[in-house]
Amino acid sequence: MSPARTVFAAIALTALLACEPVLEPEVSVDVSSPAFAHAPAAGFSYAFGEAAGAPSAIANNGDQIDISLNVGLAPFTFHPKSISGGGDFTIRNAGGDVLSTGTWAATKLISFKSYGSTDVGGGLFLFGGSLQMHITLSTGEKAILRLTCTDFGNPPHGVSQGMRLKVVGGQQFKGVWPFPPDGPTQGFTFFVEN
């Protein structure tokens, strides 16, 4: 992980789609994996973002969504199954014109798959993994948001860091970080035990 990402992760902690999402009926936390070095936690918190702005994802037609998290860390738990968090979003067409803007809120935890943790210093362990949640947009649309972190732990081969958002009955947006310099804003995701 780059020093800039490590610094942003520390700041966030202290301040604190072409593929279809796969819906899983139960929360899956693979605690039997050797990469999962800790006993199962009551839950985790997630963070995503970029110091320079909101991470972006692009649909097949060129529309782009910028989405931000308005808290440093947003918690989710397994027993009981719950999730919180929300933020702002803006959707632009390929020409840059704003099509929609508003807020989003996490409404239901779908799944979390841990890839294990990495000690980033001072006894702080950040986790890689893949989190899926239902969200509601202030425009009334429902969506599935998947956040994936491959910077920590031992992620499976071929998994990419990034964000995917599938609007129910609508577009899919896919963002894989880092983007090329002329592409959408770079960003990252991480998870921490509660």
N, C-alpha and C. Protein backbone atom coordinates (compact mmCIF):
# COMPACT_ATOMS: atom_id res chain seq x y z
N MET A 1 0.85 -1.17 0.00
CA MET A 1 0.00 0.00 0.00
C MET A 1 0.89 1.23 0.00
N SER A 2 0.52 2.25 -0.78
CA SER A 2 1.31 3.45 -0.90
C SER A 2 1.26 4.27 0.39
N PRO A 3 2.29 5.08 0.65
CA PRO A 3 2.27 5.94 1.83
C PRO A 3 1.06 6.87 1.86
N ALA A 4 0.62 7.36 0.68
CA ALA A 4 -0.55 8.26 0.64
C ALA A 4 -1.80 7.53 1.12
N ARG A 5 -1.96 6.28 0.71
CA ARG A 5 -3.13 5.51 1.16
C ARG A 5 -3.05 5.23 2.65
N THR A 6 -1.83 4.93 3.14
CA THR A 6 -1.66 4.68 4.58
C THR A 6 -2.03 5.92 5.37
N VAL A 7 -1.57 7.09 4.91
CA VAL A 7 -1.89 8.35 5.58
C VAL A 7 -3.39 8.60 5.54
N PHE A 8 -4.02 8.40 4.37
CA PHE A 8 -5.46 8.63 4.28
C PHE A 8 -6.22 7.68 5.19
N ALA A 9 -5.76 6.42 5.27
CA ALA A 9 -6.41 5.45 6.16
C ALA A 9 -6.30 5.91 7.60
N ALA A 10 -5.13 6.38 7.99
CA ALA A 10 -4.95 6.87 9.35
C ALA A 10 -5.81 8.09 9.63
N ILE A 11 -5.90 9.01 8.66
CA ILE A 11 -6.75 10.20 8.81
C ILE A 11 -8.21 9.80 8.93
N ALA A 12 -8.64 8.86 8.08
CA ALA A 12 -10.04 8.41 8.14
C ALA A 12 -10.35 7.77 9.48
N LEU A 13 -9.40 6.99 10.00
CA LEU A 13 -9.64 6.34 11.29
C LEU A 13 -9.68 7.35 12.42
N THR A 14 -8.81 8.31 12.34
CA THR A 14 -8.83 9.30 13.41
C THR A 14 -10.00 10.24 13.23
N ALA A 15 -10.35 10.63 12.11
CA ALA A 15 -11.52 11.48 11.87
C ALA A 15 -12.79 10.69 12.06
N LEU A 16 -12.63 9.83 12.30
CA LEU A 16 -13.82 9.06 12.41
C LEU A 16 -14.59 8.82 13.61
N LEU A 17 -19.72 -1.39 -12.27
CA LEU A 17 -20.09 -2.48 -11.80
C LEU A 17 -20.16 -3.13 -13.17
N ALA A 18 -19.35 -3.67 -14.71
CA ALA A 18 -19.92 -4.61 -15.69
C ALA A 18 -20.40 -5.91 -15.08
N CYS A 19 -19.85 -6.35 -13.95
CA CYS A 19 -20.29 -7.61 -13.34
C CYS A 19 -21.51 -7.36 -12.47
N GLU A 20 -22.44 -8.29 -12.48
CA GLU A 20 -23.62 -8.21 -11.65
C GLU A 20 -23.24 -8.54 -10.22
N PRO A 21 -23.70 -7.79 -9.23
CA PRO A 21 -23.45 -8.17 -7.86
C PRO A 21 -24.14 -9.51 -7.56
N VAL A 22 -23.45 -10.33 -6.80
CA VAL A 22 -24.01 -11.62 -6.42
C VAL A 22 -24.66 -11.46 -5.06
N LEU A 23 -25.96 -11.66 -4.99
CA LEU A 23 -26.66 -11.55 -3.73
C LEU A 23 -26.51 -12.84 -2.95
N GLU A 24 -26.11 -12.72 -1.71
CA GLU A 24 -25.97 -13.87 -0.85
C GLU A 24 -27.02 -13.78 0.24
N PRO A 25 -27.77 -14.85 0.49
CA PRO A 25 -28.85 -14.77 1.45
C PRO A 25 -28.38 -14.59 2.89
N GLU A 26 -27.20 -15.03 3.21
CA GLU A 26 -26.68 -14.92 4.56
C GLU A 26 -25.36 -14.17 4.53
N VAL A 27 -25.00 -13.56 5.66
CA VAL A 27 -23.71 -12.92 5.78
C VAL A 27 -22.64 -14.00 5.80
N SER A 28 -21.62 -13.88 4.98
CA SER A 28 -20.56 -14.87 4.97
C SER A 28 -19.27 -14.24 5.48
N VAL A 29 -18.82 -14.70 6.62
CA VAL A 29 -17.55 -14.26 7.18
C VAL A 29 -16.68 -15.49 7.31
N ASP A 30 -15.64 -15.60 6.50
CA ASP A 30 -14.81 -16.78 6.47
C ASP A 30 -13.74 -16.66 7.55
N VAL A 31 -14.09 -17.05 8.79
CA VAL A 31 -13.16 -16.95 9.90
C VAL A 31 -12.26 -18.18 9.99
N SER A 32 -12.49 -19.20 9.16
CA SER A 32 -11.63 -20.38 9.18
C SER A 32 -10.37 -20.17 8.35
N SER A 33 -10.35 -19.13 7.55
CA SER A 33 -9.20 -18.84 6.70
C SER A 33 -7.99 -18.48 7.55
N PRO A 34 -6.79 -18.98 7.19
CA PRO A 34 -5.59 -18.59 7.92
C PRO A 34 -5.33 -17.09 7.84
N ALA A 35 -5.87 -16.45 6.80
CA ALA A 35 -5.68 -15.00 6.67
C ALA A 35 -6.44 -14.24 7.75
N PHE A 36 -7.47 -14.86 8.34
CA PHE A 36 -8.26 -14.19 9.37
C PHE A 36 -7.59 -14.48 10.70
N ALA A 37 -6.72 -13.57 11.13
CA ALA A 37 -5.84 -13.82 12.26
C ALA A 37 -6.49 -13.58 13.62
N HIS A 38 -7.69 -13.04 13.64
CA HIS A 38 -8.34 -12.69 14.90
C HIS A 38 -9.60 -13.53 15.08
N ALA A 39 -10.06 -13.61 16.32
CA ALA A 39 -11.35 -14.25 16.59
C ALA A 39 -12.44 -13.42 15.94
N PRO A 40 -13.59 -14.03 15.62
CA PRO A 40 -14.66 -13.27 14.99
C PRO A 40 -15.07 -12.07 15.83
N ALA A 41 -15.19 -10.95 15.21
CA ALA A 41 -15.61 -9.74 15.90
C ALA A 41 -17.13 -9.64 15.87
N ALA A 42 -17.66 -8.82 16.76
CA ALA A 42 -19.10 -8.56 16.74
C ALA A 42 -19.48 -7.86 15.45
N GLY A 43 -18.52 -7.22 14.84
CA GLY A 43 -18.77 -6.51 13.59
C GLY A 43 -17.54 -5.75 13.14
N PHE A 44 -17.73 -5.02 12.08
CA PHE A 44 -16.66 -4.24 11.49
C PHE A 44 -17.19 -2.84 11.20
N SER A 45 -16.30 -1.97 10.79
CA SER A 45 -16.68 -0.69 10.21
C SER A 45 -15.99 -0.59 8.86
N TYR A 46 -16.62 0.15 7.96
CA TYR A 46 -16.05 0.32 6.63
C TYR A 46 -15.79 1.79 6.39
N ALA A 47 -14.84 2.05 5.51
CA ALA A 47 -14.55 3.41 5.05
C ALA A 47 -14.15 3.31 3.59
N PHE A 48 -14.49 4.32 2.84
CA PHE A 48 -14.01 4.41 1.47
C PHE A 48 -13.97 5.87 1.11
N GLY A 49 -13.13 6.18 0.16
CA GLY A 49 -13.03 7.57 -0.25
C GLY A 49 -11.69 7.88 -0.87
N GLU A 50 -11.43 9.14 -0.96
CA GLU A 50 -10.20 9.64 -1.56
C GLU A 50 -10.01 11.04 -1.03
N ALA A 51 -8.80 11.35 -0.65
CA ALA A 51 -8.51 12.67 -0.11
C ALA A 51 -8.85 13.78 -1.10
N ALA A 52 -8.78 13.48 -2.41
CA ALA A 52 -9.02 14.51 -3.43
C ALA A 52 -10.47 14.58 -3.89
N GLY A 53 -11.34 13.73 -3.37
CA GLY A 53 -12.74 13.78 -3.80
C GLY A 53 -13.40 12.43 -3.71
N ALA A 54 -14.62 12.36 -4.20
CA ALA A 54 -15.39 11.13 -4.12
C ALA A 54 -14.93 10.12 -5.16
N PRO A 55 -14.84 8.83 -4.79
CA PRO A 55 -14.54 7.81 -5.79
C PRO A 55 -15.62 7.76 -6.87
N SER A 56 -15.23 7.32 -8.04
CA SER A 56 -16.13 7.30 -9.18
C SER A 56 -16.25 5.90 -9.74
N ALA A 57 -17.36 5.65 -10.42
CA ALA A 57 -17.56 4.41 -11.16
C ALA A 57 -18.30 4.77 -12.44
N ILE A 58 -18.09 3.95 -13.48
CA ILE A 58 -18.63 4.26 -14.80
C ILE A 58 -19.55 3.15 -15.27
N ALA A 59 -20.65 3.55 -15.92
CA ALA A 59 -21.59 2.60 -16.54
C ALA A 59 -21.16 2.37 -17.98
N ASN A 60 -21.71 1.33 -18.61
CA ASN A 60 -21.35 1.00 -20.00
C ASN A 60 -21.63 2.13 -20.97
N ASN A 61 -22.64 2.96 -20.69
CA ASN A 61 -22.98 4.05 -21.61
C ASN A 61 -22.14 5.30 -21.38
N GLY A 62 -21.19 5.25 -20.44
CA GLY A 62 -20.33 6.39 -20.16
C GLY A 62 -20.78 7.25 -19.00
N ASP A 63 -22.01 7.03 -18.48
CA ASP A 63 -22.43 7.77 -17.29
C ASP A 63 -21.48 7.45 -16.15
N GLN A 64 -21.27 8.44 -15.29
CA GLN A 64 -20.34 8.27 -14.17
C GLN A 64 -21.03 8.65 -12.87
N ILE A 65 -20.81 7.86 -11.81
CA ILE A 65 -21.32 8.21 -10.50
C ILE A 65 -20.15 8.50 -9.59
N ASP A 66 -20.23 9.61 -8.87
CA ASP A 66 -19.29 9.94 -7.80
C ASP A 66 -20.06 9.71 -6.51
N ILE A 67 -19.49 8.95 -5.59
CA ILE A 67 -20.20 8.60 -4.37
C ILE A 67 -19.27 8.78 -3.18
N SER A 68 -19.77 9.39 -2.12
CA SER A 68 -18.94 9.64 -0.95
C SER A 68 -19.62 9.10 0.30
N LEU A 69 -18.81 8.85 1.31
CA LEU A 69 -19.27 8.42 2.62
C LEU A 69 -19.13 9.62 3.54
N ASN A 70 -20.23 10.02 4.20
CA ASN A 70 -20.23 11.24 5.00
C ASN A 70 -19.79 11.06 6.45
N VAL A 71 -19.28 9.88 6.78
CA VAL A 71 -18.72 9.66 8.12
C VAL A 71 -17.36 9.01 7.92
N GLY A 72 -16.50 9.11 8.92
CA GLY A 72 -15.19 8.49 8.80
C GLY A 72 -15.28 6.98 8.70
N LEU A 73 -16.01 6.37 9.62
CA LEU A 73 -16.20 4.94 9.65
C LEU A 73 -17.67 4.64 9.86
N ALA A 74 -18.20 3.69 9.12
CA ALA A 74 -19.61 3.30 9.25
C ALA A 74 -19.67 1.85 9.69
N PRO A 75 -20.36 1.55 10.79
CA PRO A 75 -20.35 0.18 11.33
C PRO A 75 -21.36 -0.76 10.67
N PHE A 76 -21.02 -2.06 10.73
CA PHE A 76 -21.97 -3.11 10.39
C PHE A 76 -21.72 -4.28 11.33
N THR A 77 -22.80 -5.00 11.67
CA THR A 77 -22.71 -6.13 12.59
C THR A 77 -23.40 -7.34 11.99
N PHE A 78 -23.09 -8.51 12.56
CA PHE A 78 -23.64 -9.76 12.06
C PHE A 78 -24.79 -10.29 12.91
N HIS A 79 -24.71 -10.09 14.23
CA HIS A 79 -25.75 -10.58 15.15
C HIS A 79 -26.05 -9.48 16.16
N PRO A 80 -27.06 -8.66 15.95
CA PRO A 80 -28.01 -8.72 14.83
C PRO A 80 -27.39 -8.15 13.56
N LYS A 81 -27.94 -8.55 12.44
CA LYS A 81 -27.46 -8.12 11.13
C LYS A 81 -27.90 -6.67 10.92
N SER A 82 -26.92 -5.75 10.84
CA SER A 82 -27.25 -4.34 10.66
C SER A 82 -26.10 -3.63 9.95
N ILE A 83 -26.43 -2.48 9.37
CA ILE A 83 -25.42 -1.66 8.71
C ILE A 83 -25.88 -0.21 8.75
N SER A 84 -24.93 0.71 8.81
CA SER A 84 -25.27 2.12 8.74
C SER A 84 -24.30 2.80 7.78
N GLY A 85 -24.51 4.06 7.58
CA GLY A 85 -23.66 4.84 6.68
C GLY A 85 -24.48 5.47 5.58
N GLY A 86 -23.92 6.45 4.98
CA GLY A 86 -24.57 7.16 3.90
C GLY A 86 -23.67 8.28 3.43
N GLY A 87 -24.14 8.98 2.42
CA GLY A 87 -23.34 10.06 1.89
C GLY A 87 -24.03 10.73 0.73
N ASP A 88 -23.21 11.30 -0.12
CA ASP A 88 -23.70 12.05 -1.27
C ASP A 88 -23.36 11.29 -2.56
N PHE A 89 -24.11 11.58 -3.62
CA PHE A 89 -23.78 11.03 -4.92
C PHE A 89 -24.13 12.05 -5.99
N THR A 90 -23.43 11.95 -7.11
CA THR A 90 -23.73 12.73 -8.31
C THR A 90 -23.55 11.82 -9.51
N ILE A 91 -24.53 11.81 -10.41
CA ILE A 91 -24.42 11.05 -11.65
C ILE A 91 -24.32 12.04 -12.80
N ARG A 92 -23.32 11.84 -13.65
CA ARG A 92 -23.10 12.69 -14.82
C ARG A 92 -23.12 11.82 -16.07
N ASN A 93 -23.53 12.42 -17.19
CA ASN A 93 -23.45 11.68 -18.44
C ASN A 93 -22.02 11.76 -18.98
N ALA A 94 -21.78 11.09 -20.10
CA ALA A 94 -20.43 11.04 -20.67
C ALA A 94 -19.91 12.43 -21.03
N GLY A 95 -20.80 13.37 -21.26
CA GLY A 95 -20.40 14.74 -21.57
C GLY A 95 -20.14 15.59 -20.34
N GLY A 96 -20.39 15.05 -19.14
CA GLY A 96 -20.14 15.78 -17.91
C GLY A 96 -21.35 16.50 -17.34
N ASP A 97 -22.50 16.44 -18.04
CA ASP A 97 -23.71 17.10 -17.53
C ASP A 97 -24.28 16.32 -16.36
N VAL A 98 -24.70 17.03 -15.31
CA VAL A 98 -25.27 16.38 -14.12
C VAL A 98 -26.66 15.86 -14.46
N LEU A 99 -26.87 14.56 -14.25
CA LEU A 99 -28.17 13.93 -14.48
C LEU A 99 -28.96 13.81 -13.18
N SER A 100 -28.24 13.59 -12.07
CA SER A 100 -28.90 13.36 -10.80
C SER A 100 -27.91 13.63 -9.68
N THR A 101 -28.41 14.14 -8.59
CA THR A 101 -27.57 14.37 -7.41
C THR A 101 -28.44 14.19 -6.17
N GLY A 102 -27.82 13.79 -5.09
CA GLY A 102 -28.58 13.60 -3.87
C GLY A 102 -27.77 12.88 -2.82
N THR A 103 -28.48 12.16 -1.96
CA THR A 103 -27.84 11.42 -0.89
C THR A 103 -28.19 9.94 -1.01
N TRP A 104 -27.44 9.11 -0.31
CA TRP A 104 -27.70 7.68 -0.24
C TRP A 104 -27.60 7.24 1.20
N ALA A 105 -28.30 6.16 1.53
CA ALA A 105 -28.25 5.60 2.88
C ALA A 105 -28.19 4.09 2.81
N ALA A 106 -27.32 3.48 3.60
CA ALA A 106 -27.26 2.03 3.71
C ALA A 106 -28.51 1.55 4.43
N THR A 107 -29.16 0.50 3.89
CA THR A 107 -30.40 0.03 4.49
C THR A 107 -30.36 -1.42 4.95
N LYS A 108 -29.51 -2.27 4.33
CA LYS A 108 -29.48 -3.67 4.72
C LYS A 108 -28.13 -4.29 4.34
N LEU A 109 -27.54 -5.00 5.29
CA LEU A 109 -26.32 -5.75 5.04
C LEU A 109 -26.67 -7.00 4.25
N ILE A 110 -25.98 -7.22 3.13
CA ILE A 110 -26.18 -8.43 2.35
C ILE A 110 -25.11 -9.45 2.72
N SER A 111 -23.84 -9.07 2.59
CA SER A 111 -22.77 -10.02 2.89
C SER A 111 -21.46 -9.29 3.15
N PHE A 112 -20.57 -9.98 3.84
CA PHE A 112 -19.20 -9.52 4.03
C PHE A 112 -18.29 -10.73 3.99
N LYS A 113 -17.26 -10.66 3.17
CA LYS A 113 -16.26 -11.72 3.06
C LYS A 113 -14.92 -11.10 3.42
N SER A 114 -14.33 -11.53 4.55
CA SER A 114 -13.04 -11.00 4.98
C SER A 114 -11.92 -11.67 4.20
N TYR A 115 -10.90 -10.88 3.83
CA TYR A 115 -9.69 -11.41 3.21
C TYR A 115 -8.54 -11.45 4.21
N GLY A 116 -8.83 -11.17 5.47
CA GLY A 116 -7.80 -11.15 6.49
C GLY A 116 -7.32 -9.73 6.76
N SER A 117 -6.33 -9.62 7.65
CA SER A 117 -5.90 -8.30 8.08
C SER A 117 -4.41 -8.12 7.86
N THR A 118 -3.99 -6.85 7.94
CA THR A 118 -2.59 -6.45 7.86
C THR A 118 -2.34 -5.47 8.99
N ASP A 119 -1.25 -5.70 9.74
CA ASP A 119 -0.85 -4.76 10.79
C ASP A 119 -0.20 -3.57 10.10
N VAL A 120 -0.84 -2.40 10.19
CA VAL A 120 -0.31 -1.20 9.53
C VAL A 120 0.50 -0.35 10.49
N GLY A 121 0.78 -0.90 11.67
CA GLY A 121 1.61 -0.21 12.64
C GLY A 121 0.83 0.20 13.86
N GLY A 122 1.53 0.21 14.99
CA GLY A 122 0.91 0.64 16.24
C GLY A 122 -0.21 -0.28 16.70
N GLY A 123 -0.18 -1.53 16.26
CA GLY A 123 -1.23 -2.47 16.65
C GLY A 123 -2.54 -2.28 15.91
N LEU A 124 -2.55 -1.44 14.89
CA LEU A 124 -3.76 -1.21 14.10
C LEU A 124 -3.81 -2.22 12.96
N PHE A 125 -4.88 -3.00 12.91
CA PHE A 125 -5.07 -4.00 11.85
C PHE A 125 -6.20 -3.53 10.94
N LEU A 126 -5.88 -3.37 9.66
CA LEU A 126 -6.90 -3.06 8.66
C LEU A 126 -7.18 -4.33 7.87
N PHE A 127 -8.45 -4.52 7.52
CA PHE A 127 -8.89 -5.74 6.85
C PHE A 127 -9.20 -5.48 5.39
N GLY A 128 -8.87 -6.44 4.56
CA GLY A 128 -9.37 -6.49 3.21
C GLY A 128 -10.65 -7.30 3.21
N GLY A 129 -11.44 -7.15 2.18
CA GLY A 129 -12.67 -7.92 2.10
C GLY A 129 -13.62 -7.35 1.07
N SER A 130 -14.78 -7.97 0.99
CA SER A 130 -15.83 -7.52 0.07
C SER A 130 -17.13 -7.40 0.84
N LEU A 131 -17.72 -6.22 0.81
CA LEU A 131 -18.95 -5.89 1.52
C LEU A 131 -20.03 -5.56 0.51
N GLN A 132 -21.20 -6.17 0.67
CA GLN A 132 -22.36 -5.84 -0.17
C GLN A 132 -23.49 -5.36 0.72
N MET A 133 -24.18 -4.31 0.27
CA MET A 133 -25.29 -3.75 1.04
C MET A 133 -26.36 -3.22 0.10
N HIS A 134 -27.58 -3.22 0.60
CA HIS A 134 -28.66 -2.51 -0.09
C HIS A 134 -28.56 -1.06 0.34
N ILE A 135 -28.78 -0.15 -0.61
CA ILE A 135 -28.82 1.28 -0.29
C ILE A 135 -30.06 1.88 -0.95
N THR A 136 -30.47 3.01 -0.41
CA THR A 136 -31.57 3.78 -1.00
C THR A 136 -31.02 5.15 -1.38
N LEU A 137 -31.33 5.57 -2.60
CA LEU A 137 -30.95 6.91 -3.06
C LEU A 137 -32.07 7.88 -2.76
N SER A 138 -31.74 9.13 -2.52
CA SER A 138 -32.77 10.13 -2.22
C SER A 138 -33.71 10.37 -3.40
N THR A 139 -33.34 9.87 -4.56
CA THR A 139 -34.21 9.96 -5.74
C THR A 139 -35.31 8.90 -5.70
N GLY A 140 -35.27 8.02 -4.67
CA GLY A 140 -36.26 6.97 -4.52
C GLY A 140 -35.82 5.63 -5.07
N GLU A 141 -34.70 5.61 -5.78
CA GLU A 141 -34.21 4.36 -6.36
C GLU A 141 -33.51 3.52 -5.30
N LYS A 142 -33.59 2.21 -5.49
CA LYS A 142 -32.89 1.24 -4.64
C LYS A 142 -31.69 0.75 -5.43
N ALA A 143 -30.63 0.38 -4.71
CA ALA A 143 -29.42 -0.09 -5.38
C ALA A 143 -28.68 -1.06 -4.48
N ILE A 144 -27.72 -1.77 -5.07
CA ILE A 144 -26.81 -2.63 -4.33
C ILE A 144 -25.42 -2.04 -4.51
N LEU A 145 -24.75 -1.80 -3.39
CA LEU A 145 -23.40 -1.25 -3.40
C LEU A 145 -22.45 -2.33 -2.90
N ARG A 146 -21.41 -2.59 -3.69
CA ARG A 146 -20.36 -3.54 -3.28
C ARG A 146 -19.06 -2.77 -3.18
N LEU A 147 -18.39 -2.89 -2.04
CA LEU A 147 -17.09 -2.28 -1.81
C LEU A 147 -16.08 -3.39 -1.59
N THR A 148 -14.96 -3.34 -2.31
CA THR A 148 -13.95 -4.38 -2.21
C THR A 148 -12.60 -3.77 -1.91
N CYS A 149 -11.93 -4.32 -0.90
CA CYS A 149 -10.59 -3.88 -0.53
C CYS A 149 -9.62 -5.03 -0.72
N THR A 150 -8.57 -4.79 -1.51
CA THR A 150 -7.53 -5.80 -1.73
C THR A 150 -6.17 -5.35 -1.20
N ASP A 151 -6.13 -4.22 -0.51
CA ASP A 151 -4.86 -3.69 0.01
C ASP A 151 -4.39 -4.41 1.26
N PHE A 152 -5.28 -5.12 1.95
CA PHE A 152 -4.94 -5.73 3.22
C PHE A 152 -5.33 -7.20 3.23
N GLY A 153 -4.65 -7.98 4.08
CA GLY A 153 -4.96 -9.39 4.18
C GLY A 153 -4.45 -10.16 2.98
N ASN A 154 -5.17 -11.20 2.60
CA ASN A 154 -4.77 -12.07 1.51
C ASN A 154 -5.94 -12.27 0.56
N PRO A 155 -6.20 -11.29 -0.32
CA PRO A 155 -7.35 -11.40 -1.23
C PRO A 155 -7.15 -12.50 -2.26
N PRO A 156 -8.24 -13.09 -2.74
CA PRO A 156 -8.14 -14.10 -3.79
C PRO A 156 -7.56 -13.52 -5.07
N HIS A 157 -6.88 -14.36 -5.83
CA HIS A 157 -6.32 -13.94 -7.11
C HIS A 157 -7.44 -13.45 -8.04
N GLY A 158 -7.19 -12.36 -8.73
CA GLY A 158 -8.14 -11.86 -9.72
C GLY A 158 -9.19 -10.91 -9.17
N VAL A 159 -9.22 -10.69 -7.85
CA VAL A 159 -10.18 -9.75 -7.27
C VAL A 159 -9.60 -8.35 -7.35
N SER A 160 -10.42 -7.37 -7.71
CA SER A 160 -9.96 -6.00 -7.88
C SER A 160 -10.52 -5.08 -6.81
N GLN A 161 -9.68 -4.17 -6.36
CA GLN A 161 -10.08 -3.12 -5.42
C GLN A 161 -11.09 -2.22 -6.13
N GLY A 162 -12.16 -1.84 -5.46
CA GLY A 162 -13.07 -0.90 -6.10
C GLY A 162 -14.47 -0.91 -5.56
N MET A 163 -15.35 -0.28 -6.33
CA MET A 163 -16.74 -0.10 -5.97
C MET A 163 -17.60 -0.52 -7.16
N ARG A 164 -18.71 -1.16 -6.87
CA ARG A 164 -19.71 -1.46 -7.90
C ARG A 164 -21.06 -1.07 -7.34
N LEU A 165 -21.85 -0.46 -8.18
CA LEU A 165 -23.19 -0.05 -7.77
C LEU A 165 -24.16 -0.47 -8.86
N LYS A 166 -25.20 -1.21 -8.48
CA LYS A 166 -26.24 -1.66 -9.41
C LYS A 166 -27.55 -1.06 -8.95
N VAL A 167 -28.09 -0.16 -9.76
CA VAL A 167 -29.40 0.41 -9.48
C VAL A 167 -30.43 -0.65 -9.87
N VAL A 168 -31.34 -0.96 -8.95
CA VAL A 168 -32.35 -1.98 -9.22
C VAL A 168 -33.19 -1.53 -10.42
N GLY A 169 -33.23 -2.37 -11.45
CA GLY A 169 -33.96 -2.04 -12.67
C GLY A 169 -33.28 -0.98 -13.50
N GLY A 170 -32.02 -0.70 -13.21
CA GLY A 170 -31.33 0.37 -13.93
C GLY A 170 -29.89 0.02 -14.24
N GLN A 171 -29.05 1.03 -14.22
CA GLN A 171 -27.66 0.91 -14.65
C GLN A 171 -26.78 0.22 -13.63
N GLN A 172 -25.67 -0.32 -14.14
CA GLN A 172 -24.58 -0.82 -13.31
C GLN A 172 -23.40 0.11 -13.49
N PHE A 173 -22.78 0.47 -12.39
CA PHE A 173 -21.57 1.29 -12.41
C PHE A 173 -20.44 0.48 -11.82
N LYS A 174 -19.27 0.54 -12.45
CA LYS A 174 -18.12 -0.22 -11.98
C LYS A 174 -16.93 0.71 -11.86
N GLY A 175 -16.28 0.64 -10.73
CA GLY A 175 -15.04 1.39 -10.51
C GLY A 175 -14.00 0.49 -9.92
N VAL A 176 -12.84 0.43 -10.53
CA VAL A 176 -11.72 -0.34 -10.01
C VAL A 176 -10.60 0.65 -9.75
N TRP A 177 -10.04 0.62 -8.54
CA TRP A 177 -9.00 1.57 -8.14
C TRP A 177 -7.65 0.90 -8.20
N PRO A 178 -6.57 1.56 -8.55
CA PRO A 178 -6.55 2.95 -8.99
C PRO A 178 -6.89 3.06 -10.48
N PHE A 179 -7.44 4.20 -10.83
CA PHE A 179 -7.73 4.50 -12.23
C PHE A 179 -6.51 5.15 -12.87
N PRO A 180 -6.43 5.14 -14.18
CA PRO A 180 -5.35 5.87 -14.84
C PRO A 180 -5.50 7.38 -14.58
N PRO A 181 -4.42 8.14 -14.72
CA PRO A 181 -4.47 9.57 -14.41
C PRO A 181 -5.57 10.34 -15.13
N ASP A 182 -5.95 9.92 -16.33
CA ASP A 182 -6.99 10.64 -17.06
C ASP A 182 -8.38 10.04 -16.81
N GLY A 183 -8.45 9.06 -15.94
CA GLY A 183 -9.73 8.42 -15.64
C GLY A 183 -10.38 9.03 -14.41
N PRO A 184 -11.43 8.37 -13.90
CA PRO A 184 -12.11 8.87 -12.71
C PRO A 184 -11.18 8.92 -11.50
N THR A 185 -11.63 9.58 -10.46
CA THR A 185 -10.86 9.77 -9.24
C THR A 185 -10.45 8.44 -8.62
N GLN A 186 -9.20 8.39 -8.15
CA GLN A 186 -8.75 7.20 -7.43
C GLN A 186 -9.40 7.17 -6.05
N GLY A 187 -9.52 5.99 -5.49
CA GLY A 187 -10.06 5.85 -4.15
C GLY A 187 -9.67 4.52 -3.57
N PHE A 188 -10.07 4.27 -2.35
CA PHE A 188 -9.81 2.98 -1.75
C PHE A 188 -10.82 2.70 -0.67
N THR A 189 -10.83 1.45 -0.22
CA THR A 189 -11.74 0.97 0.80
C THR A 189 -10.92 0.23 1.84
N PHE A 190 -11.37 0.25 3.09
CA PHE A 190 -10.79 -0.64 4.10
C PHE A 190 -11.84 -0.93 5.16
N PHE A 191 -11.56 -1.99 5.93
CA PHE A 191 -12.45 -2.43 7.00
C PHE A 191 -11.62 -2.54 8.28
N VAL A 192 -12.26 -2.30 9.42
CA VAL A 192 -11.61 -2.42 10.72
C VAL A 192 -12.58 -3.09 11.68
N GLU A 193 -12.06 -3.96 12.56
CA GLU A 193 -12.91 -4.61 13.55
C GLU A 193 -13.45 -3.59 14.53
N ASN A 194 -14.70 -3.79 14.95
CA ASN A 194 -15.28 -2.93 15.99
C ASN A 194 -14.81 -3.41 17.35
